N, C-alpha and C. Protein backbone atom coordinates (compact mmCIF):
# COMPACT_ATOMS: atom_id res chain seq x y z
N UNK A 1 105.84 2.93 54.73
CA UNK A 1 105.94 1.55 54.04
C UNK A 1 105.34 0.42 54.64
N UNK A 2 105.44 0.10 55.89
CA UNK A 2 105.06 -0.82 56.78
C UNK A 2 103.15 -1.15 56.66
N UNK A 3 103.25 0.44 56.76
CA UNK A 3 101.45 0.56 56.89
C UNK A 3 100.82 0.34 55.61
N UNK A 4 101.47 0.98 54.48
CA UNK A 4 101.13 0.46 53.20
C UNK A 4 101.01 -1.20 52.59
N UNK A 5 101.74 -1.76 53.40
CA UNK A 5 102.11 -3.30 53.03
C UNK A 5 100.62 -4.21 54.02
N UNK A 6 100.61 -3.14 54.93
CA UNK A 6 99.51 -3.80 55.88
C UNK A 6 98.34 -3.71 55.51
N UNK A 7 97.96 -2.44 54.76
CA UNK A 7 96.79 -2.41 53.93
C UNK A 7 96.53 -3.15 53.01
N UNK A 8 97.94 -3.55 52.21
CA UNK A 8 97.61 -4.29 50.77
C UNK A 8 97.28 -6.17 51.59
N UNK A 9 97.77 -6.18 52.70
CA UNK A 9 97.32 -7.48 53.18
C UNK A 9 96.17 -7.85 53.43
N UNK A 10 95.75 -6.59 54.31
CA UNK A 10 93.92 -6.54 54.86
C UNK A 10 93.05 -6.36 53.46
N UNK A 11 93.37 -5.79 52.56
CA UNK A 11 92.46 -5.84 51.26
C UNK A 11 92.65 -7.11 50.87
N UNK A 12 93.34 -8.34 50.93
CA UNK A 12 93.57 -9.35 50.21
C UNK A 12 92.82 -10.65 50.86
N UNK A 13 92.37 -9.92 52.21
CA UNK A 13 91.68 -10.93 52.73
C UNK A 13 90.24 -11.53 52.38
N UNK A 14 90.03 -12.55 52.65
CA UNK A 14 88.41 -12.79 51.85
C UNK A 14 87.53 -12.33 53.03
N UNK A 15 87.06 -11.55 53.06
CA UNK A 15 85.81 -10.87 54.14
C UNK A 15 84.59 -11.29 53.62
N UNK A 16 83.70 -11.90 54.36
CA UNK A 16 82.48 -12.09 53.72
C UNK A 16 81.51 -11.95 55.04
N UNK A 17 80.73 -10.99 54.53
CA UNK A 17 79.44 -10.37 55.25
C UNK A 17 78.13 -11.40 55.26
N UNK A 18 77.28 -11.97 56.37
CA UNK A 18 76.61 -12.43 56.54
C UNK A 18 75.27 -12.07 57.06
N UNK A 19 74.09 -10.89 56.38
CA UNK A 19 73.71 -10.25 56.81
C UNK A 19 72.17 -11.28 57.15
N UNK A 20 71.30 -10.45 58.04
CA UNK A 20 69.99 -11.05 58.34
C UNK A 20 69.41 -10.72 59.16
N UNK A 21 68.08 -10.77 59.54
CA UNK A 21 67.74 -9.95 60.81
C UNK A 21 68.04 -10.94 62.28
N UNK A 22 67.95 -12.07 61.78
CA UNK A 22 68.77 -13.12 63.35
C UNK A 22 67.35 -12.75 64.69
N UNK A 23 66.45 -12.77 64.14
CA UNK A 23 65.28 -12.79 65.41
C UNK A 23 64.77 -13.68 65.68
N UNK A 24 65.16 -14.60 66.30
CA UNK A 24 66.84 -14.79 66.63
C UNK A 24 67.32 -15.38 65.60
N UNK A 25 68.89 -15.95 66.31
CA UNK A 25 69.47 -17.04 65.58
C UNK A 25 69.30 -18.00 66.22
N UNK A 26 69.13 -19.07 65.15
CA UNK A 26 68.89 -20.23 65.02
C UNK A 26 70.20 -21.11 64.87
N UNK A 27 69.87 -22.64 65.10
CA UNK A 27 71.47 -23.20 64.57
C UNK A 27 71.30 -23.57 63.03
N UNK A 28 70.35 -23.50 62.64
CA UNK A 28 70.51 -23.14 61.19
C UNK A 28 71.90 -22.25 60.83
N UNK A 29 71.37 -21.06 61.13
CA UNK A 29 71.96 -19.67 60.22
C UNK A 29 73.69 -20.29 61.55
N UNK A 30 73.30 -20.88 62.83
CA UNK A 30 74.98 -21.28 63.46
C UNK A 30 75.87 -21.85 62.10
N UNK A 31 74.95 -22.95 61.74
CA UNK A 31 75.60 -24.14 60.64
C UNK A 31 76.21 -23.18 59.61
N UNK A 32 75.32 -22.21 58.81
CA UNK A 32 75.81 -21.96 57.98
C UNK A 32 77.04 -20.86 58.45
N UNK A 33 77.47 -20.02 59.67
CA UNK A 33 78.54 -19.23 59.57
C UNK A 33 79.45 -20.36 59.97
N UNK A 34 79.14 -21.59 60.74
CA UNK A 34 80.43 -22.19 61.08
C UNK A 34 81.21 -22.61 59.62
N UNK A 35 80.36 -22.86 58.65
CA UNK A 35 80.70 -23.17 57.36
C UNK A 35 81.54 -22.19 56.71
N UNK A 36 80.86 -20.82 56.62
CA UNK A 36 81.17 -20.22 56.01
C UNK A 36 82.93 -19.28 56.68
N UNK A 37 82.63 -19.76 57.70
CA UNK A 37 84.46 -19.60 58.52
C UNK A 37 85.13 -20.49 57.93
N UNK A 38 85.25 -21.35 57.92
CA UNK A 38 86.01 -22.44 56.56
C UNK A 38 86.76 -21.35 55.33
N UNK A 39 85.56 -21.14 54.58
CA UNK A 39 85.74 -20.62 53.61
C UNK A 39 86.79 -19.07 53.31
N UNK A 40 85.96 -18.52 54.38
CA UNK A 40 86.54 -17.19 54.80
C UNK A 40 87.61 -16.45 55.59
N UNK A 41 88.27 -15.69 55.27
CA UNK A 41 89.48 -15.07 56.53
C UNK A 41 88.62 -14.66 57.53
N UNK A 42 87.61 -13.75 57.42
CA UNK A 42 86.92 -13.42 58.65
C UNK A 42 85.52 -13.23 58.13
N UNK A 43 84.70 -13.34 58.64
CA UNK A 43 82.97 -13.44 58.46
C UNK A 43 82.34 -12.58 59.61
N UNK A 44 81.51 -11.81 59.22
CA UNK A 44 80.75 -10.85 59.79
C UNK A 44 79.19 -10.93 59.51
N UNK A 45 79.05 -11.18 61.11
CA UNK A 45 77.21 -11.67 60.98
C UNK A 45 77.02 -10.03 61.40
N UNK A 46 75.64 -9.65 60.25
CA UNK A 46 75.51 -8.66 60.25
C UNK A 46 74.03 -8.52 60.55
N UNK A 47 73.37 -7.75 61.56
CA UNK A 47 72.08 -7.78 62.09
C UNK A 47 72.05 -6.51 61.47
N UNK A 48 71.16 -6.77 60.11
CA UNK A 48 70.66 -5.40 59.27
C UNK A 48 68.97 -5.35 59.82
N UNK A 49 69.32 -4.03 60.09
CA UNK A 49 67.64 -3.70 60.74
C UNK A 49 66.91 -2.34 59.74
N UNK A 50 65.95 -2.34 60.54
CA UNK A 50 65.34 -0.96 59.48
C UNK A 50 64.53 -0.37 60.73
N UNK A 51 64.97 0.60 61.03
CA UNK A 51 64.42 1.56 62.02
C UNK A 51 62.82 1.71 61.98
N UNK A 52 62.02 1.77 60.78
CA UNK A 52 60.94 1.75 60.66
C UNK A 52 60.21 0.57 60.68
N UNK A 53 60.81 -0.80 60.98
CA UNK A 53 59.87 -1.68 61.27
C UNK A 53 60.12 -2.10 62.95
N UNK A 54 59.25 -2.37 63.43
CA UNK A 54 58.79 -2.47 64.97
C UNK A 54 58.42 -4.21 65.14
N UNK A 55 58.30 -4.61 63.96
CA UNK A 55 57.94 -6.01 64.72
C UNK A 55 58.90 -7.33 64.67
N UNK A 56 59.92 -6.94 65.35
CA UNK A 56 61.07 -7.39 65.88
C UNK A 56 60.30 -8.21 67.09
N UNK A 57 61.28 -9.06 67.24
CA UNK A 57 60.77 -10.13 68.76
C UNK A 57 62.21 -9.30 69.59
N UNK A 58 62.85 -9.40 69.53
CA UNK A 58 63.77 -8.90 70.01
C UNK A 58 64.93 -7.60 69.73
N UNK A 59 65.27 -6.77 70.49
CA UNK A 59 66.25 -6.12 70.43
C UNK A 59 67.29 -6.20 69.63
N UNK A 60 67.66 -4.99 68.54
CA UNK A 60 69.30 -4.85 67.84
C UNK A 60 70.24 -5.45 68.92
N UNK A 61 70.15 -4.82 69.73
CA UNK A 61 71.18 -5.12 70.88
C UNK A 61 71.36 -6.53 71.57
N UNK A 62 69.56 -7.23 71.57
CA UNK A 62 69.61 -8.39 72.12
C UNK A 62 70.23 -9.76 71.10
N UNK A 63 69.58 -8.79 69.57
CA UNK A 63 70.33 -10.17 68.86
C UNK A 63 71.51 -10.20 68.58
N UNK A 64 72.26 -8.68 68.60
CA UNK A 64 73.52 -8.68 68.60
C UNK A 64 74.44 -9.51 69.63
N UNK A 65 73.84 -9.53 71.30
CA UNK A 65 74.43 -10.60 72.18
C UNK A 65 74.05 -12.01 71.94
N UNK A 66 72.97 -12.33 71.19
CA UNK A 66 72.63 -13.80 71.29
C UNK A 66 73.69 -14.54 70.25
N UNK A 67 73.96 -13.55 69.19
CA UNK A 67 74.86 -14.01 68.15
C UNK A 67 76.35 -14.09 68.55
N UNK A 68 76.99 -13.26 69.28
CA UNK A 68 77.87 -13.09 70.32
C UNK A 68 78.29 -14.67 71.00
N UNK A 69 77.62 -14.89 71.73
CA UNK A 69 77.12 -15.85 72.60
C UNK A 69 77.51 -17.01 71.62
N UNK A 70 76.63 -17.00 70.59
CA UNK A 70 76.82 -18.17 69.87
C UNK A 70 77.96 -18.22 69.18
N UNK A 71 78.60 -17.55 69.14
CA UNK A 71 80.23 -17.38 68.02
C UNK A 71 81.07 -17.48 68.78
N UNK A 72 81.35 -17.31 69.95
CA UNK A 72 82.21 -16.97 70.81
C UNK A 72 83.29 -17.86 70.80
N UNK A 73 83.26 -19.23 70.39
CA UNK A 73 84.20 -20.15 69.96
C UNK A 73 84.97 -20.23 68.48
N UNK A 74 84.61 -18.86 67.74
CA UNK A 74 84.77 -19.14 66.43
C UNK A 74 85.80 -17.78 66.25
N UNK A 75 86.99 -18.24 65.99
CA UNK A 75 88.05 -16.76 66.28
C UNK A 75 87.96 -16.07 64.86
N UNK A 76 87.50 -16.43 63.75
CA UNK A 76 87.49 -15.51 62.74
C UNK A 76 86.00 -14.63 62.00
N UNK A 77 85.09 -14.66 63.34
CA UNK A 77 84.02 -14.75 63.04
C UNK A 77 83.55 -13.46 64.09
N UNK A 78 82.84 -12.09 63.78
CA UNK A 78 82.46 -11.25 64.67
C UNK A 78 81.00 -10.79 64.13
N UNK A 79 80.27 -9.81 65.45
CA UNK A 79 78.97 -9.85 64.56
C UNK A 79 78.85 -8.22 64.72
N UNK A 80 78.15 -7.30 63.91
CA UNK A 80 77.57 -6.22 63.90
C UNK A 80 76.27 -5.89 63.54
N UNK A 81 75.80 -4.39 63.72
CA UNK A 81 74.66 -4.23 63.37
C UNK A 81 74.96 -2.99 62.33
N UNK A 82 73.98 -2.85 61.80
CA UNK A 82 73.80 -1.50 60.56
C UNK A 82 72.54 -1.57 59.88
N UNK A 83 71.94 0.00 59.63
CA UNK A 83 70.82 -0.09 59.34
C UNK A 83 70.58 0.29 58.23
N UNK A 84 71.76 0.29 57.00
CA UNK A 84 71.98 1.16 56.01
C UNK A 84 71.64 0.28 55.07
N UNK A 85 72.38 0.11 53.65
CA UNK A 85 72.34 -0.71 52.81
C UNK A 85 73.24 -1.53 53.02
N UNK A 86 73.52 -3.19 52.92
CA UNK A 86 74.17 -4.10 53.26
C UNK A 86 75.63 -3.68 52.40
N UNK A 87 75.24 -3.57 51.02
CA UNK A 87 76.15 -3.24 50.19
C UNK A 87 77.33 -2.03 50.81
N UNK A 88 76.65 -1.19 51.27
CA UNK A 88 77.59 -0.21 51.83
C UNK A 88 78.61 -0.66 53.14
N UNK A 89 77.73 -1.51 53.92
CA UNK A 89 78.38 -1.99 55.20
C UNK A 89 79.76 -2.68 54.47
N UNK A 90 79.15 -3.72 53.70
CA UNK A 90 80.53 -4.58 53.01
C UNK A 90 81.54 -3.70 52.39
N UNK A 91 81.33 -2.70 51.50
CA UNK A 91 82.16 -1.42 50.95
C UNK A 91 83.47 -1.34 52.80
N UNK A 92 82.52 -0.81 53.31
CA UNK A 92 83.08 -0.10 54.39
C UNK A 92 84.07 -1.00 55.48
N UNK A 93 83.91 -2.47 55.10
CA UNK A 93 84.59 -3.24 55.96
C UNK A 93 85.38 -4.11 55.25
N UNK A 94 85.65 -3.90 53.75
CA UNK A 94 86.53 -4.01 52.76
C UNK A 94 86.02 -5.90 52.59
N UNK A 95 84.49 -5.83 52.62
CA UNK A 95 84.24 -7.39 52.06
C UNK A 95 84.01 -7.71 50.65
N UNK A 96 84.29 -8.42 50.26
CA UNK A 96 83.71 -8.57 48.66
C UNK A 96 82.93 -9.80 48.46
N UNK A 97 81.98 -10.55 49.48
CA UNK A 97 81.27 -11.58 49.43
C UNK A 97 80.03 -11.62 50.32
N UNK A 98 79.03 -11.41 50.10
CA UNK A 98 77.94 -11.75 51.17
C UNK A 98 77.28 -12.97 50.76
N UNK A 99 76.93 -13.43 52.32
CA UNK A 99 76.88 -14.88 52.39
C UNK A 99 75.37 -15.23 52.51
N UNK A 100 74.71 -16.08 51.68
CA UNK A 100 73.60 -16.39 52.07
C UNK A 100 72.99 -17.71 52.11
N UNK A 101 72.03 -18.36 53.10
CA UNK A 101 71.70 -19.52 52.97
C UNK A 101 70.29 -19.83 52.49
N UNK A 102 70.82 -20.95 52.01
CA UNK A 102 68.99 -21.46 51.07
C UNK A 102 68.59 -22.79 52.12
N UNK A 103 67.35 -22.81 52.54
CA UNK A 103 67.08 -23.72 52.96
C UNK A 103 66.22 -24.51 51.94
N UNK A 104 65.33 -23.67 51.33
CA UNK A 104 64.30 -24.49 50.20
C UNK A 104 64.19 -23.77 49.30
N UNK A 105 63.27 -24.37 47.90
CA UNK A 105 63.26 -24.02 46.67
C UNK A 105 62.81 -22.52 46.68
N UNK A 106 61.70 -21.74 47.83
CA UNK A 106 61.18 -20.88 47.65
C UNK A 106 62.14 -19.78 48.21
N UNK A 107 63.46 -19.93 48.82
CA UNK A 107 64.09 -19.28 49.19
C UNK A 107 64.79 -18.61 47.82
N UNK A 108 64.87 -19.67 46.78
CA UNK A 108 65.77 -18.99 45.72
C UNK A 108 65.25 -17.87 45.38
N UNK A 109 63.96 -18.06 45.17
CA UNK A 109 63.52 -16.74 44.45
C UNK A 109 63.68 -15.29 44.89
N UNK A 110 63.59 -15.17 46.30
CA UNK A 110 63.67 -14.44 46.95
C UNK A 110 65.35 -13.86 46.52
N UNK A 111 66.12 -15.14 47.21
CA UNK A 111 67.45 -14.33 46.99
C UNK A 111 68.16 -14.05 45.56
N UNK A 112 67.63 -14.92 44.55
CA UNK A 112 67.99 -14.42 42.94
C UNK A 112 67.36 -12.98 42.96
N UNK A 113 66.47 -12.51 43.50
CA UNK A 113 66.32 -10.97 42.97
C UNK A 113 67.01 -10.04 43.98
N UNK A 114 67.90 -10.53 45.04
CA UNK A 114 68.21 -9.93 45.67
C UNK A 114 69.65 -9.74 45.45
N UNK A 115 70.24 -11.02 44.83
CA UNK A 115 71.24 -11.06 44.40
C UNK A 115 71.23 -9.98 42.81
N UNK A 116 70.55 -10.11 42.06
CA UNK A 116 70.60 -9.39 41.02
C UNK A 116 70.41 -7.58 41.56
N UNK A 117 69.33 -7.33 42.64
CA UNK A 117 69.55 -6.03 42.97
C UNK A 117 71.13 -5.72 43.79
N UNK A 118 71.59 -6.45 44.18
CA UNK A 118 73.09 -6.28 44.76
C UNK A 118 73.98 -6.02 43.71
N UNK A 119 73.82 -6.53 42.68
CA UNK A 119 74.97 -6.64 41.32
C UNK A 119 74.98 -5.39 40.31
N UNK A 120 73.58 -5.02 40.62
CA UNK A 120 73.27 -3.52 40.08
C UNK A 120 73.53 -2.69 40.65
N UNK A 121 73.93 -2.98 41.83
CA UNK A 121 74.61 -1.86 43.17
C UNK A 121 76.13 -1.48 43.16
N UNK A 122 76.31 -3.19 42.99
CA UNK A 122 77.93 -2.90 42.70
C UNK A 122 78.38 -4.17 41.97
N UNK A 123 78.87 -4.18 41.26
CA UNK A 123 79.37 -5.83 40.57
C UNK A 123 80.33 -6.33 41.08
N UNK A 124 81.24 -5.49 41.92
CA UNK A 124 82.18 -5.93 42.36
C UNK A 124 82.09 -6.83 44.04
N UNK A 125 80.58 -6.96 44.34
CA UNK A 125 80.33 -7.92 45.34
C UNK A 125 79.83 -8.83 44.65
N UNK A 126 80.56 -10.18 45.28
CA UNK A 126 79.93 -11.42 45.34
C UNK A 126 79.14 -12.23 46.13
N UNK A 127 77.73 -12.40 45.66
CA UNK A 127 76.83 -13.62 46.20
C UNK A 127 77.66 -14.59 46.63
N UNK A 128 77.39 -15.27 47.71
CA UNK A 128 77.79 -16.81 47.88
C UNK A 128 76.92 -17.40 48.72
N UNK A 129 75.89 -18.41 47.79
CA UNK A 129 75.04 -19.24 48.92
C UNK A 129 75.46 -20.68 49.21
N UNK A 130 74.84 -20.76 50.67
CA UNK A 130 75.05 -22.12 50.95
C UNK A 130 74.02 -22.88 51.77
N UNK A 131 73.95 -23.94 50.57
CA UNK A 131 72.64 -24.54 51.02
C UNK A 131 72.52 -25.50 52.40
N UNK A 132 71.51 -25.06 53.00
CA UNK A 132 71.12 -25.76 54.63
C UNK A 132 71.10 -26.77 54.80
N UNK A 133 71.43 -27.68 55.71
CA UNK A 133 71.77 -29.05 55.86
C UNK A 133 70.23 -29.46 56.16
N UNK A 134 69.59 -30.99 55.61
CA UNK A 134 68.56 -31.14 55.27
C UNK A 134 67.59 -31.05 56.75
N UNK A 135 68.23 -31.20 57.88
CA UNK A 135 67.91 -31.16 59.19
C UNK A 135 67.89 -29.82 59.75
N UNK A 136 68.01 -29.28 58.68
CA UNK A 136 67.50 -27.40 59.38
C UNK A 136 66.90 -26.60 58.35
N UNK A 137 66.60 -27.55 57.20
CA UNK A 137 65.53 -26.58 56.54
C UNK A 137 64.07 -26.25 57.02
N UNK A 138 63.77 -26.75 57.96
CA UNK A 138 62.45 -26.30 58.66
C UNK A 138 62.41 -25.21 59.76
N UNK A 139 63.79 -24.77 59.44
CA UNK A 139 63.93 -24.20 60.78
C UNK A 139 64.40 -22.13 60.56
N UNK A 140 63.15 -21.95 61.20
CA UNK A 140 63.41 -20.38 60.70
C UNK A 140 62.93 -19.65 62.18
N UNK A 141 63.66 -18.73 62.27
CA UNK A 141 63.55 -17.67 63.60
C UNK A 141 61.88 -17.49 63.61
N UNK A 142 61.17 -17.34 62.89
CA UNK A 142 59.71 -16.64 63.35
C UNK A 142 59.40 -18.33 63.78
N UNK A 143 59.30 -19.45 62.83
CA UNK A 143 58.79 -20.97 63.86
C UNK A 143 59.37 -20.91 64.95
N UNK A 144 60.79 -20.50 65.06
CA UNK A 144 61.22 -20.58 66.74
C UNK A 144 60.38 -19.87 67.34
N UNK A 145 60.35 -18.83 67.30
CA UNK A 145 59.51 -17.63 68.31
C UNK A 145 58.22 -18.28 68.41
N UNK A 146 57.58 -18.70 66.97
CA UNK A 146 55.87 -19.07 67.64
C UNK A 146 55.88 -20.11 68.00
N UNK A 147 57.06 -21.52 67.95
CA UNK A 147 56.82 -22.64 68.78
C UNK A 147 57.05 -22.58 70.14
N UNK A 148 58.04 -21.52 70.48
CA UNK A 148 58.63 -21.58 72.09
C UNK A 148 57.33 -20.47 72.84
N UNK A 149 56.67 -19.64 72.01
CA UNK A 149 55.70 -19.11 72.76
C UNK A 149 54.40 -19.97 73.09
N UNK A 150 54.69 -20.88 72.47
CA UNK A 150 53.48 -21.72 72.68
C UNK A 150 53.77 -23.10 73.58
N UNK A 151 55.02 -23.11 73.85
CA UNK A 151 55.23 -23.78 75.12
C UNK A 151 56.30 -25.14 74.79
N UNK A 152 56.44 -25.03 73.17
CA UNK A 152 57.10 -25.78 72.98
C UNK A 152 58.74 -25.55 73.02
N UNK A 153 59.33 -27.08 73.30
CA UNK A 153 61.04 -27.23 73.85
C UNK A 153 61.58 -26.78 72.30
N UNK A 154 62.30 -25.90 72.28
CA UNK A 154 62.72 -25.94 71.10
C UNK A 154 64.42 -25.53 71.37
N UNK A 155 65.09 -25.99 72.22
CA UNK A 155 65.89 -26.14 72.90
C UNK A 155 67.23 -26.56 72.16
N UNK A 156 66.83 -27.96 71.12
CA UNK A 156 67.83 -28.29 69.94
C UNK A 156 67.80 -27.92 68.81
N UNK A 157 67.01 -26.58 68.86
CA UNK A 157 66.98 -25.38 67.54
C UNK A 157 67.60 -24.17 67.41
N UNK A 158 68.01 -24.27 68.75
CA UNK A 158 68.89 -22.90 68.87
C UNK A 158 69.73 -23.08 70.03
N UNK A 159 70.98 -21.97 69.90
CA UNK A 159 71.97 -22.02 70.53
C UNK A 159 71.22 -22.05 72.19
N UNK A 160 72.32 -22.43 73.34
CA UNK A 160 71.55 -22.14 74.32
C UNK A 160 71.13 -20.93 74.94
N UNK A 161 72.22 -19.79 74.79
CA UNK A 161 71.69 -18.53 75.38
C UNK A 161 70.66 -18.04 74.29
N UNK A 162 70.21 -18.65 73.37
CA UNK A 162 69.10 -18.30 72.35
C UNK A 162 67.87 -18.75 73.19
N UNK A 163 68.22 -20.09 73.64
CA UNK A 163 66.75 -20.90 74.42
C UNK A 163 66.28 -20.05 75.89
N UNK A 164 67.47 -19.75 76.28
CA UNK A 164 67.68 -18.79 77.61
C UNK A 164 66.87 -17.90 77.37
N UNK A 165 66.90 -16.65 76.39
CA UNK A 165 66.32 -15.66 75.97
C UNK A 165 64.84 -15.66 75.90
N UNK A 166 64.61 -16.80 74.80
CA UNK A 166 63.27 -17.05 74.62
C UNK A 166 62.47 -17.42 75.73
N UNK A 167 62.82 -18.28 76.61
CA UNK A 167 62.31 -18.64 77.71
C UNK A 167 61.90 -17.11 78.56
N UNK A 168 63.11 -16.51 78.73
CA UNK A 168 62.74 -15.21 79.52
C UNK A 168 61.71 -14.29 79.26
N UNK A 169 61.75 -14.36 77.68
CA UNK A 169 60.64 -13.30 76.99
C UNK A 169 59.60 -14.11 76.75
N UNK A 170 59.47 -15.37 76.79
CA UNK A 170 57.91 -15.86 77.11
C UNK A 170 57.15 -15.70 78.39
N UNK A 171 58.35 -15.75 79.99
CA UNK A 171 57.56 -15.17 80.83
C UNK A 171 57.24 -13.98 81.06
N UNK A 172 58.24 -12.63 80.13
CA UNK A 172 57.07 -11.77 80.36
C UNK A 172 56.06 -11.30 79.63
N UNK A 173 55.65 -12.13 78.48
CA UNK A 173 54.59 -12.25 77.93
C UNK A 173 53.29 -13.06 78.74
N UNK A 174 53.68 -13.48 79.76
CA UNK A 174 52.59 -14.16 80.30
C UNK A 174 51.76 -13.36 81.15
């Protein structure tokens, strides 16, 4: 009886999955995570990856480590990685919400299409969109990597641990 009750309580938790490549995680991502952590009982930051893609700057393990460092003070947030459909990951983790950030108008077209695809796969999963704060609208992982590789100080745009990874990675590239 007690186990059944625990399962009922677990299934009623509002669990959101925030998927992305996070290559690397930025302060823009972290802002979305912090705001989502106030809306959901649990947030899972998911490094979604495709093993056929090799153009990532950081390995999945490194990206998860950077995320874990950035979210260490958020009690209801954890990270994970997955190479299949995000919807399948959500189902396996009893999540009913996918969290997405919108920076600029052009993001909307992509996200609209993605939301329609996800709804086609599973009507029970809800997409939740959080608008970026205006100071984060220009921040993207690819911009961060490019600027950092050109010697620009990006420390104000990324969590401290990410900046250290970038500096270390840039030294390897020299």
